[in-house]
Protein backbone atom coordinates (compact mmCIF):
# COMPACT_ATOMS: atom_id res chain seq x y z
CA MET A 1 0.11 0.02 0.34
CA PRO A 2 1.43 3.34 -0.91
CA PHE A 3 2.51 6.00 1.75
CA LYS A 4 0.84 9.56 1.51
CA ILE A 5 3.56 11.87 2.01
CA ASN A 6 3.12 15.73 2.70
CA ILE A 7 6.40 17.80 2.81
CA ALA A 8 6.06 20.66 4.70
CA GLY A 9 8.17 23.56 2.90
CA LYS A 10 9.72 26.63 5.03
CA LYS A 11 7.10 28.92 3.79
CA GLY A 12 4.33 27.29 4.79
CA LYS A 13 3.60 25.50 1.26
CA THR A 14 3.39 21.55 1.41
CA TYR A 15 3.57 19.10 -1.30
CA HIS A 16 1.91 15.73 -1.48
CA LEU A 17 3.38 12.67 -3.01
CA GLU A 18 2.49 9.11 -3.07
CA SER A 19 5.44 6.45 -2.84
CA GLU A 20 5.73 2.50 -1.88
CA SER A 21 9.01 3.67 -0.44
CA GLU A 22 10.52 0.67 1.94
CA GLU A 23 12.97 2.72 2.91
CA LEU A 24 10.35 4.36 5.46
CA ILE A 25 9.19 1.01 7.33
CA GLU A 26 10.58 0.59 10.64
CA LYS A 27 11.16 4.42 10.92
CA GLU A 28 10.24 6.00 14.61
CA LEU A 29 9.12 9.35 14.30
CA ASN A 30 11.47 12.30 14.96
CA ASP A 31 13.93 9.77 12.80
CA LYS A 32 15.80 11.77 9.85
CA ILE A 33 15.84 10.06 6.45
CA ASP A 34 17.38 10.92 2.88
CA GLY A 35 15.15 12.45 0.36
CA LYS A 36 16.66 10.06 -2.48
CA ASP A 37 15.11 7.13 0.16
CA ILE A 38 11.48 8.26 -0.96
CA LEU A 39 11.91 10.12 -4.51
CA PRO A 40 16.02 10.02 -6.71
CA ASP A 41 14.56 13.72 -7.58
CA LEU A 42 15.10 14.99 -3.71
CA GLU A 43 18.38 13.86 -4.00
CA GLY A 44 20.11 15.96 -1.20
CA TYR A 45 17.16 16.78 1.15
CA GLU A 46 17.35 15.80 4.66
CA PHE A 47 13.64 15.32 6.50
CA GLU A 48 12.72 14.43 9.35
CA ILE A 49 9.45 12.52 10.09
CA THR A 50 6.80 14.81 12.28
CA GLY A 51 3.77 12.61 11.90
CA ALA A 52 1.75 9.81 10.85
CA SER A 53 -1.71 7.95 10.78
CA ASP A 54 -3.16 4.84 9.95
CA LYS A 55 -5.95 4.81 7.09
CA SER A 56 -8.26 4.75 9.83
CA GLY A 57 -7.10 8.19 10.89
CA PHE A 58 -5.86 6.43 14.08
CA THR A 59 -2.47 9.27 15.27
CA ALA A 60 0.89 7.91 15.35
CA MET A 61 2.29 8.98 19.08
CA LYS A 62 5.72 9.29 19.91
CA ASN A 63 5.52 8.24 23.39
CA VAL A 64 3.83 4.79 22.28
CA GLU A 65 6.12 1.92 21.99
CA GLY A 66 5.55 -0.42 18.91
CA ILE A 67 3.59 -0.70 15.63
CA GLY A 68 0.02 -1.69 17.21
CA LEU A 69 -3.12 0.53 18.20
CA THR A 70 -3.19 1.13 22.13
CA LYS A 71 -5.73 2.82 24.08
CA ILE A 72 -3.97 5.55 26.61
CA LEU A 73 -5.29 8.17 28.72
CA LEU A 74 -5.04 11.70 26.77
CA SER A 75 -5.14 15.14 28.21
CA TYR A 76 -6.26 18.12 26.15
CA GLY A 77 -3.85 18.21 22.95
CA LYS A 78 -2.30 15.39 20.11
CA ALA A 79 -5.09 13.01 19.20
CA MET A 80 -7.72 14.61 21.34
CA LYS A 81 -10.13 16.95 20.29
CA ASN A 82 -13.36 16.55 22.47
CA ARG A 83 -15.03 19.38 24.38
CA PRO A 84 -16.55 17.95 27.77
CA ARG A 85 -20.33 17.56 28.13
CA LYS A 86 -20.45 20.65 30.34
CA GLU A 87 -20.05 23.02 27.94
CA GLY A 88 -23.44 22.23 25.92
CA LYS A 89 -23.69 22.78 22.01
CA GLY A 90 -22.86 26.52 22.58
CA LYS A 91 -19.96 28.49 21.95
CA LEU A 92 -16.37 26.46 22.82
CA SER A 93 -14.44 28.30 24.88
CA LYS A 94 -11.35 28.61 24.77
CA LYS A 95 -9.59 27.59 27.28
CA LYS A 96 -8.42 24.57 27.55
CA PRO A 97 -10.94 22.26 29.66
CA LYS A 98 -9.60 21.92 33.41
CA GLY A 99 -8.99 18.48 34.39
CA LEU A 100 -10.42 16.12 31.07
CA ARG A 101 -8.66 13.03 29.96
CA LEU A 102 -10.18 10.34 28.43
CA ARG A 103 -9.03 7.49 26.87
CA LYS A 104 -8.10 7.31 23.26
CA THR A 105 -7.01 4.97 20.57
CA VAL A 106 -3.88 5.74 19.22
CA ARG A 107 -0.88 3.96 16.98
CA GLY A 108 2.92 3.03 18.14
CA LYS A 109 5.73 5.28 16.74
CA ILE A 110 7.50 3.15 14.61
CA ILE A 111 6.29 2.94 11.16
CA SER A 112 4.56 0.26 9.62
CA PRO A 113 2.43 -0.73 6.14
CA ALA A 114 -0.71 -0.10 8.20
CA ILE A 115 0.26 3.41 8.28
CA SER A 116 -1.28 5.66 5.30
CA GLN A 117 0.00 9.24 5.99
CA ILE A 118 3.35 10.16 6.63
CA ASN A 119 3.96 14.16 7.57
CA LEU A 120 7.73 15.44 6.90
CA LYS A 121 9.47 18.62 7.24
CA ILE A 122 12.43 20.12 5.45
CA LEU A 123 15.98 20.02 7.61
CA LYS A 124 18.22 20.40 4.90
CA GLU A 125 17.13 21.64 1.23
CA GLY A 126 18.90 19.63 -2.02
CA GLY A 127 20.00 21.13 -5.28
CA LYS A 128 16.40 21.67 -6.49
CA LYS A 129 13.61 23.56 -5.33
CA LEU A 130 10.96 21.72 -4.97
CA SER A 131 8.84 24.16 -6.58
CA GLU A 132 10.34 22.60 -9.60
CA ILE A 133 10.35 19.19 -8.42
CA PHE A 134 6.42 18.85 -8.02
CA PRO A 135 5.27 21.44 -10.92
CA GLU A 136 1.80 20.68 -11.05
CA GLN A 137 1.37 21.59 -7.37
CA ASN A 138 3.31 24.56 -7.73
CA LYS A 139 0.31 26.24 -10.37
CA ALA A 140 -2.58 28.05 -9.25
CA GLN A 141 -6.27 26.68 -9.38
CA GLU A 142 -7.29 27.93 -12.72
CA VAL A 143 -10.54 30.38 -12.53
CA PRO A 144 -13.31 29.06 -15.13
CA GLN A 145 -13.51 31.22 -17.89
CA GLU A 146 -17.15 32.36 -17.32
CA ILE A 147 -16.10 33.65 -13.98
CA LYS A 148 -12.81 35.60 -15.29
CA GLU A 149 -15.02 37.80 -17.67
CA GLU A 150 -15.63 41.31 -15.69
CA PRO A 151 -19.47 41.60 -15.12
CA LYS A 152 -21.05 43.66 -17.63
CA GLU A 153 -22.83 46.95 -15.95
CA VAL A 154 -26.47 47.81 -15.92
CA PRO A 155 -27.69 50.91 -15.98
CA LYS A 156 -29.18 52.78 -13.48
CA GLN A 157 -32.77 53.31 -12.95
CA GLU A 158 -34.23 55.95 -11.08
CA THR A 159 -36.49 55.08 -8.88
CA LYS A 160 -39.13 57.50 -6.83
CA SER A 161 -40.14 56.74 -3.59
CA ALA A 162 -43.33 56.33 -2.82
CA GLU A 163 -44.90 58.07 0.21
CA ILE A 164 -45.36 55.57 2.93
CA PRO A 165 -47.41 56.69 5.62
CA SER A 166 -45.82 57.27 8.97
CA LYS A 167 -48.43 55.41 11.03
CA VAL A 168 -51.58 53.63 10.33
CA VAL A 169 -53.77 52.29 13.04
CA GLU A 170 -56.81 50.56 11.77
CA GLU A 171 -60.04 52.31 13.52
CA PRO A 172 -62.58 49.81 14.94
CA LYS A 173 -65.90 48.82 13.00
CA LYS A 174 -68.55 50.79 14.31
CA ALA A 175 -71.00 48.12 14.37
CA GLU A 176 -68.81 45.84 16.58
CA THR A 177 -68.57 48.46 19.22
CA GLU A 178 -72.28 49.23 19.49
CA GLU A 179 -72.88 44.79 19.69
CA LYS A 180 -70.16 45.15 22.81
CA LYS A 181 -71.99 48.28 24.36
CA GLU A 182 -75.32 46.05 24.50
């Protein structure tokens, strides 16, 4: 199964690629790897593995040993996005919930074939820039021709404001008031 690899650039741009590299298996989080292990075009690059997740979305945690799934007690942070029950359906508070800890399923820190996504950070740049290696991801999204055309100006029509009575009061019918008196 190919790995979906996300490479975070230093300027904030992220490049995506898929690779079936066997060199990544048995590596751990925060390990350094050479770019040529992933793709031959990435010669000279050095990356650090910052995160990973499997096909079910369970994240890899650096404090969990092994390759399997484990349930650990987490406080607010990575792999923990739930909000406390007492906050209800209203707005989220900006503060971290005090004392909230839940048991969550996470994956171990070693990259295995069960991992589907790997996040990398650039430590050392190679000879070619990433924008040259991945030219199709560097393009801006093309806008359809219909949207590119400037809208035609519609001539403004003069509208006269109709006088609206400031206060409309309904007077009760005389027949109804006379019946109530009798």
